[in-house]
Structures are given as C-alpha cells and as structure tokens.
Amino acid sequence: MLVGIAESLYGMLEFFSGHRRILNLGLEISSVTGTFVNRNYFAGYLLMVIPLSLGYFFSRSAVQRSRFMSWRHRLSSLDGKSLLIAFGIVLMILGLLFSASRMGIVSLLLSFSLISFLFRESQKGQKFSKSVVLIFGLALLWAVWIGVDAVISRFFTASESFKDRWMFWVNTFQIFKDFPLLGSGLGTFAHIFPTYRSFHIRGLITHAENDFLQLLSEVGVIGVGLLLIVFIFLFLRAVLAIRSMHSGDPKKYIGIGGMVGILALIFHSLVERNIQVPANAFLYTFIFALILRVSLAKKGEELLW
C-alpha cells in the first residue's frame, strides 16, 4: 500500500508540476505513470493495490462495528490510522484516474461489480460495496475539481487504439493456429511474431497487447488448459471459503479485496501487457497466495498482517 501511495504521489507531482519526466530520464510522460514507463503498467499495479488496501481498511474495524450502527457512528469510530489509510486509498484512485488508462479504470469497476454479485447475499459484502462506492465518489469529486478533461478525451479516442491492438491479436492468433496444441514455445513470441506480422511498425514487437492470447500462442491449448484448471479450482475454492466466513471476521475483507485485485488485473490483461511486468507479476503472485492463505485459515484463527 505504501508503494502504491508513493507511486501515485510521485506520478501526480511529476505530471501536474509540468516537469513530466520519470526520475529525470529523457522519456516525457503524457499522464500519471509513477516510476513506470507505461501508464498501463502503472494502472495494473494500482488495480491490485487499491482493492487490497480497501480490504485492509474495512478489516481493521470489522469486529467492533455493529450492523445497527449508523454511518455517523461508523465514521466517528474510525481512528487516525484508518483515516490515513482511507486518504491513501483516495490518492491511489486519483493516480489511477489521471493515468488515463481506459481499460485500467474499466477493469477496476468490472471487478468490483463481479465481486459485489458473488457476495450479494452477504451483509458484510453489501456494506463493503456501499463503502467502496462512497470512497470512489470522494475520489471522483476530487478528480473533477482538479480537472478530468484529458481523461474523458482518452475514452473518445479508443477506436484508433483498438484497431492497432486488433491487428496484433489477429496475427498472434495465426501463430496459435499453426501451433494449436503445445504452442510455439514459452518466450518465443518476439522471435516468431515478425514472420506473421501483416502490418508495418517500427521497432521490435515483444508482446501481443493481450497476455492470455500471447500465452495461448506460446504454450497452446494444453498449457493454457492446465493453467485454467488450476486457477479456477483454487479461485472458486477461495470464493466459497471466504463467503462462508462469519460476517464479523476481518479476514473476509482481506479476501474480498484480494479477489477484486486478482480479477481486475485479469480483465486488464485482456487488452494490455501486464502480467509480464515483473513488479505486477510479483504482486499478483503475492496476492493470490494471500487469498489462498485466508481461505485456508481455520475458524477463529488470527493472521498477522
């Protein structure tokens, strides 16, 4: 969480100060990117940190809160650390918004919506969703006050970007068609793609702008199938275990937040290169391990955060 806040603060400082450089490197930035060279990599990192931070925020007072408490009592019961955490979350949401990563913003909203549906019968899940809407609303109001014209304009220029990505995907799918079972080999995309490229572009293409399609072309149906079986089994097991937790169990919030982060990066990776970024891959693995540990915790077992 501290890294996410620091990245957001640094990125907004560079962007809004007019300096618009990353650590004095020659690369000029056109949006908030933190220390990442690409806005989408930065957004992918925040997509995982923001939900997990929200889960930690709500877990801190899950035991003390009563369902009969009004929102005024809940707000007044927050201690200084909780308020600082909430402020940090708002800063990270601002960082995500001003990254102008279209699919990053959409992915976060989609993942929260899906988790809200999965936990629709859980009273704590409903409170989680309502509180998330409140925090997002505060961040959005702050963003509007600063100015979101550049962010909005990015959504109206999506068609050109999609055309370029579509060409990448079509050519990558041709690789899969030639190597359907075992793929061309893990890590061979950059070497084999020029053979299938049907459009002109300067430089070396190292990724397909879709992590899963690229993986399919490299390891084939067998490789992707095995990964999907393991992922679906572990993720559904975690969902069922976390849903069954007591409504006052703080681990439930950590689990929900982690699952939102996992789903958000998956959605984002459908149109971007994200899981291949080392920082994002490490955090993704850590969060997935965390929600598995939470789901395997015994009733009444306390975990150290």
Protein backbone atom coordinates (compact mmCIF):
# COMPACT_ATOMS: atom_id res chain seq x y z
CA MET A 1 0.00 0.00 0.00
CA LEU A 2 2.84 2.38 0.85
CA VAL A 3 4.43 1.70 -2.54
CA GLY A 4 1.13 2.38 -4.31
CA ILE A 5 0.65 5.68 -2.46
CA ALA A 6 4.25 6.73 -3.14
CA GLU A 7 3.94 5.87 -6.84
CA SER A 8 0.70 7.84 -7.12
CA LEU A 9 2.05 10.89 -5.30
CA TYR A 10 5.26 10.92 -7.32
CA GLY A 11 3.40 10.44 -10.60
CA MET A 12 0.96 13.27 -9.88
CA LEU A 13 3.82 15.53 -8.75
CA GLU A 14 5.72 14.96 -12.00
CA PHE A 15 2.63 15.38 -14.16
CA PHE A 16 0.94 18.38 -12.57
CA SER A 17 4.21 20.23 -11.88
CA GLY A 18 4.88 20.36 -15.61
CA HIS A 19 8.20 18.52 -15.32
CA ARG A 20 6.70 15.36 -16.83
CA ARG A 21 9.80 13.19 -16.62
CA ILE A 22 10.41 9.89 -14.83
CA LEU A 23 13.39 10.27 -12.48
CA ASN A 24 14.96 12.79 -14.89
CA LEU A 25 15.04 10.26 -17.71
CA GLY A 26 14.60 11.50 -21.26
CA LEU A 27 11.14 9.94 -21.64
CA GLU A 28 8.35 12.53 -21.50
CA ILE A 29 5.07 11.37 -19.99
CA SER A 30 1.57 12.42 -21.06
CA SER A 31 -0.23 11.18 -17.94
CA VAL A 32 0.44 9.97 -14.40
CA THR A 33 2.67 6.88 -14.52
CA GLY A 34 4.64 6.91 -11.26
CA THR A 35 8.05 5.35 -11.95
CA PHE A 36 6.57 3.01 -14.57
CA VAL A 37 7.44 3.74 -18.20
CA ASN A 38 3.90 2.99 -19.34
CA ARG A 39 0.60 4.24 -17.96
CA ASN A 40 -0.98 0.80 -18.28
CA TYR A 41 1.73 -0.92 -16.23
CA PHE A 42 1.22 1.70 -13.53
CA ALA A 43 -2.56 1.23 -13.67
CA GLY A 44 -2.13 -2.54 -13.47
CA TYR A 45 -0.15 -2.19 -10.25
CA LEU A 46 -2.77 0.09 -8.69
CA LEU A 47 -5.56 -2.26 -9.78
CA MET A 48 -4.21 -4.77 -7.28
CA VAL A 49 -3.14 -2.40 -4.51
CA ILE A 50 -6.36 -0.35 -4.28
CA PRO A 51 -8.78 -3.26 -3.60
CA LEU A 52 -6.40 -4.94 -1.16
CA SER A 53 -5.97 -1.63 0.68
CA LEU A 54 -9.74 -1.25 0.85
CA GLY A 55 -9.99 -4.74 2.28
CA TYR A 56 -7.41 -3.89 4.93
CA PHE A 57 -9.22 -0.64 5.74
CA PHE A 58 -12.53 -2.42 6.38
CA SER A 59 -10.92 -5.33 8.22
CA ARG A 60 -9.49 -3.03 10.90
CA SER A 61 -12.88 -2.34 12.42
CA ALA A 62 -14.88 -5.35 11.22
CA VAL A 63 -15.13 -6.85 14.69
CA GLN A 64 -16.08 -3.69 16.55
CA ARG A 65 -18.74 -2.49 14.15
CA SER A 66 -22.33 -3.45 14.64
CA ARG A 67 -24.86 -3.73 11.87
CA PHE A 68 -27.12 -1.46 13.92
CA MET A 69 -24.60 1.39 13.91
CA SER A 70 -25.48 4.38 11.75
CA TRP A 71 -22.99 5.70 9.22
CA ARG A 72 -22.26 8.65 11.55
CA HIS A 73 -21.29 6.29 14.35
CA ARG A 74 -19.16 4.22 11.98
CA LEU A 75 -17.37 7.34 10.75
CA SER A 76 -16.76 8.66 14.27
CA SER A 77 -15.40 5.27 15.36
CA LEU A 78 -12.53 5.43 12.84
CA ASP A 79 -9.13 6.03 14.40
CA GLY A 80 -6.36 8.18 12.96
CA LYS A 81 -4.62 5.29 11.22
CA SER A 82 -7.83 4.22 9.48
CA LEU A 83 -8.42 7.76 8.23
CA LEU A 84 -4.85 7.91 6.89
CA ILE A 85 -5.40 4.61 5.10
CA ALA A 86 -8.64 5.94 3.58
CA PHE A 87 -6.83 9.10 2.44
CA GLY A 88 -4.09 6.98 0.87
CA ILE A 89 -6.71 4.94 -0.99
CA VAL A 90 -8.27 8.12 -2.37
CA LEU A 91 -4.81 9.25 -3.57
CA MET A 92 -4.27 5.94 -5.36
CA ILE A 93 -7.69 6.16 -7.03
CA LEU A 94 -6.74 9.64 -8.21
CA GLY A 95 -3.49 8.22 -9.55
CA LEU A 96 -5.42 5.57 -11.47
CA LEU A 97 -7.87 8.11 -12.90
CA PHE A 98 -5.13 10.50 -14.03
CA SER A 99 -3.13 7.67 -15.54
CA ALA A 100 -5.84 7.89 -18.22
CA SER A 101 -5.65 4.12 -18.64
CA ARG A 102 -9.07 3.42 -20.09
CA MET A 103 -9.13 -0.32 -19.54
CA GLY A 104 -7.49 0.13 -16.15
CA ILE A 105 -10.41 2.22 -14.93
CA VAL A 106 -12.98 -0.08 -16.54
CA SER A 107 -11.28 -3.21 -15.13
CA LEU A 108 -11.47 -1.93 -11.57
CA LEU A 109 -15.17 -1.15 -11.92
CA LEU A 110 -15.87 -4.54 -13.54
CA SER A 111 -14.06 -6.48 -10.85
CA PHE A 112 -15.84 -4.65 -8.03
CA SER A 113 -19.17 -5.29 -9.76
CA LEU A 114 -18.45 -9.01 -10.13
CA ILE A 115 -17.38 -9.40 -6.50
CA SER A 116 -20.48 -7.49 -5.37
CA PHE A 117 -22.56 -10.02 -7.32
CA LEU A 118 -20.71 -13.01 -5.81
CA PHE A 119 -21.21 -11.66 -2.29
CA ARG A 120 -24.69 -10.25 -2.85
CA GLU A 121 -26.18 -12.45 -0.11
CA SER A 122 -23.56 -11.38 2.40
CA GLN A 123 -24.46 -8.39 4.56
CA LYS A 124 -20.80 -7.59 5.04
CA GLY A 125 -20.27 -7.84 1.31
CA GLN A 126 -23.07 -5.32 0.77
CA LYS A 127 -21.54 -2.94 3.30
CA PHE A 128 -18.19 -3.40 1.58
CA SER A 129 -19.75 -2.42 -1.76
CA LYS A 130 -21.54 0.64 -0.36
CA SER A 131 -18.42 1.86 1.40
CA VAL A 132 -16.38 1.37 -1.77
CA VAL A 133 -18.88 3.49 -3.71
CA LEU A 134 -18.51 6.23 -1.09
CA ILE A 135 -14.70 6.25 -1.28
CA PHE A 136 -14.77 6.17 -5.08
CA GLY A 137 -17.26 9.03 -5.04
CA LEU A 138 -14.97 11.17 -2.90
CA ALA A 139 -12.03 10.45 -5.20
CA LEU A 140 -14.12 11.24 -8.29
CA LEU A 141 -15.29 14.55 -6.84
CA TRP A 142 -11.70 15.49 -6.09
CA ALA A 143 -10.67 14.48 -9.62
CA VAL A 144 -13.45 16.58 -11.16
CA TRP A 145 -12.32 19.55 -9.08
CA ILE A 146 -8.76 19.12 -10.40
CA GLY A 147 -9.96 18.56 -13.97
CA VAL A 148 -10.63 15.34 -15.87
CA ASP A 149 -10.91 16.63 -19.44
CA ALA A 150 -7.82 14.72 -20.59
CA VAL A 151 -9.10 11.51 -19.02
CA ILE A 152 -12.51 11.81 -20.66
CA SER A 153 -11.00 12.61 -24.06
CA ARG A 154 -8.99 9.37 -23.90
CA PHE A 155 -12.23 7.38 -23.93
CA PHE A 156 -13.33 9.14 -27.13
CA THR A 157 -10.10 8.20 -28.93
CA ALA A 158 -10.31 4.50 -28.13
CA SER A 159 -11.22 3.40 -31.67
CA GLU A 160 -7.78 4.06 -33.19
CA SER A 161 -6.00 2.29 -30.36
CA PHE A 162 -8.35 -0.68 -30.68
CA LYS A 163 -7.60 -1.00 -34.41
CA ASP A 164 -3.88 -1.34 -33.68
CA ARG A 165 -4.49 -3.92 -30.98
CA TRP A 166 -6.83 -5.86 -33.23
CA MET A 167 -4.04 -6.29 -35.78
CA PHE A 168 -1.75 -7.59 -33.04
CA TRP A 169 -4.40 -10.08 -31.91
CA VAL A 170 -5.20 -11.33 -35.43
CA ASN A 171 -1.54 -12.02 -36.16
CA THR A 172 -0.99 -13.64 -32.76
CA PHE A 173 -3.98 -15.90 -33.34
CA GLN A 174 -2.35 -17.05 -36.58
CA ILE A 175 0.60 -18.30 -34.51
CA PHE A 176 -1.81 -20.28 -32.35
CA LYS A 177 -3.49 -21.78 -35.43
CA ASP A 178 -0.13 -23.12 -36.60
CA PHE A 179 0.84 -24.44 -33.14
CA PRO A 180 -2.51 -25.27 -31.50
CA LEU A 181 -1.57 -27.99 -29.03
CA LEU A 182 1.78 -27.04 -27.47
CA GLY A 183 2.33 -23.55 -28.89
CA SER A 184 5.49 -22.13 -30.40
CA GLY A 185 7.35 -22.33 -27.08
CA LEU A 186 7.34 -20.19 -23.96
CA GLY A 187 9.19 -16.93 -24.56
CA THR A 188 9.36 -17.26 -28.34
CA PHE A 189 6.75 -14.63 -29.23
CA ALA A 190 9.20 -11.79 -30.00
CA HIS A 191 11.19 -14.08 -32.30
CA ILE A 192 8.33 -15.67 -34.21
CA PHE A 193 5.90 -12.73 -34.49
CA PRO A 194 7.79 -10.93 -37.34
CA THR A 195 7.08 -13.97 -39.54
CA TYR A 196 3.32 -13.50 -39.05
CA ARG A 197 3.19 -9.70 -38.95
CA SER A 198 0.88 -8.32 -41.64
CA PHE A 199 1.36 -4.60 -40.94
CA HIS A 200 4.26 -2.17 -40.79
CA ILE A 201 5.54 -0.90 -37.48
CA ARG A 202 8.91 0.43 -36.37
CA GLY A 203 10.87 -1.43 -33.75
CA LEU A 204 10.70 -4.91 -32.24
CA ILE A 205 7.33 -6.21 -31.07
CA THR A 206 7.83 -8.09 -27.80
CA HIS A 207 4.23 -8.65 -26.70
CA ALA A 208 0.75 -9.11 -28.14
CA GLU A 209 -1.14 -6.49 -26.06
CA ASN A 210 -3.06 -9.44 -24.61
CA ASP A 211 -1.27 -11.60 -22.06
CA PHE A 212 -3.62 -14.56 -22.42
CA LEU A 213 -3.65 -14.64 -26.21
CA GLN A 214 0.14 -14.44 -26.21
CA LEU A 215 0.30 -17.27 -23.68
CA LEU A 216 -2.05 -19.32 -25.85
CA SER A 217 0.25 -18.85 -28.85
CA GLU A 218 3.31 -19.87 -26.80
CA VAL A 219 2.04 -22.88 -24.80
CA GLY A 220 -1.04 -23.92 -26.80
CA VAL A 221 -4.32 -25.41 -25.67
CA ILE A 222 -2.67 -27.97 -23.40
CA GLY A 223 -0.61 -25.42 -21.47
CA VAL A 224 -3.41 -22.87 -21.11
CA GLY A 225 -5.90 -25.61 -20.25
CA LEU A 226 -3.77 -26.89 -17.37
CA LEU A 227 -3.29 -23.36 -16.03
CA LEU A 228 -7.02 -22.63 -16.26
CA ILE A 229 -7.95 -25.80 -14.40
CA VAL A 230 -5.59 -24.98 -11.53
CA PHE A 231 -6.62 -21.31 -11.40
CA ILE A 232 -10.38 -21.94 -11.50
CA PHE A 233 -10.15 -24.68 -8.87
CA LEU A 234 -8.12 -22.55 -6.44
CA PHE A 235 -10.07 -19.33 -7.06
CA LEU A 236 -13.51 -20.91 -6.65
CA ARG A 237 -12.32 -22.70 -3.54
CA ALA A 238 -11.21 -19.35 -2.13
CA VAL A 239 -14.53 -17.70 -3.05
CA LEU A 240 -16.58 -20.41 -1.33
CA ALA A 241 -14.38 -20.37 1.77
CA ILE A 242 -14.43 -16.58 2.12
CA ARG A 243 -18.19 -16.41 1.53
CA SER A 244 -18.74 -18.86 4.37
CA MET A 245 -16.75 -16.79 6.86
CA HIS A 246 -18.51 -15.07 9.73
CA SER A 247 -19.73 -11.57 8.89
CA GLY A 248 -17.52 -10.04 11.59
CA ASP A 249 -14.35 -11.87 10.56
CA PRO A 250 -11.74 -9.31 9.40
CA LYS A 251 -10.13 -11.93 7.16
CA LYS A 252 -13.22 -11.79 4.98
CA TYR A 253 -12.45 -8.22 3.93
CA ILE A 254 -8.83 -9.06 3.12
CA GLY A 255 -10.03 -11.97 1.00
CA ILE A 256 -12.61 -9.89 -0.87
CA GLY A 257 -10.09 -7.13 -1.55
CA GLY A 258 -7.52 -9.61 -2.81
CA MET A 259 -10.01 -11.28 -5.15
CA VAL A 260 -11.01 -7.91 -6.61
CA GLY A 261 -7.35 -7.17 -7.32
CA ILE A 262 -6.81 -10.56 -8.98
CA LEU A 263 -9.86 -10.16 -11.22
CA ALA A 264 -9.03 -6.54 -12.07
CA LEU A 265 -5.59 -7.44 -13.41
CA ILE A 266 -7.05 -10.37 -15.36
CA PHE A 267 -9.56 -8.05 -17.05
CA HIS A 268 -6.84 -5.51 -17.78
CA SER A 269 -4.51 -8.16 -19.22
CA LEU A 270 -7.10 -8.99 -21.89
CA VAL A 271 -6.09 -5.82 -23.77
CA GLU A 272 -2.68 -4.96 -22.30
CA ARG A 273 0.67 -6.44 -21.31
CA ASN A 274 0.55 -6.56 -17.53
CA ILE A 275 1.29 -9.94 -16.01
CA GLN A 276 4.65 -9.96 -17.83
CA VAL A 277 5.75 -6.80 -15.99
CA PRO A 278 7.97 -8.04 -13.10
CA ALA A 279 6.53 -5.74 -10.42
CA ASN A 280 2.96 -6.63 -11.36
CA ALA A 281 3.71 -10.35 -11.69
CA PHE A 282 5.31 -10.42 -8.23
CA LEU A 283 2.41 -8.58 -6.59
CA TYR A 284 -0.15 -10.72 -8.43
CA THR A 285 1.50 -13.90 -7.14
CA PHE A 286 1.71 -12.50 -3.61
CA ILE A 287 -1.98 -11.50 -3.51
CA PHE A 288 -3.11 -14.83 -4.94
CA ALA A 289 -1.10 -16.63 -2.26
CA LEU A 290 -2.61 -14.30 0.35
CA ILE A 291 -6.22 -15.06 -0.53
CA LEU A 292 -5.44 -18.78 -0.57
CA ARG A 293 -3.94 -18.47 2.92
CA VAL A 294 -7.01 -16.55 4.09
CA SER A 295 -9.35 -19.15 2.62
CA LEU A 296 -7.46 -21.97 4.36
CA ALA A 297 -7.45 -20.26 7.76
CA LYS A 298 -9.27 -22.12 10.49
CA LYS A 299 -12.30 -20.63 12.22
CA GLY A 300 -11.15 -18.14 14.84
CA GLU A 301 -7.54 -18.21 13.61
CA GLU A 302 -5.89 -14.79 13.64
CA LEU A 303 -3.45 -13.87 10.90
CA LEU A 304 -0.71 -11.28 11.18
CA TRP A 305 -1.00 -8.58 8.55
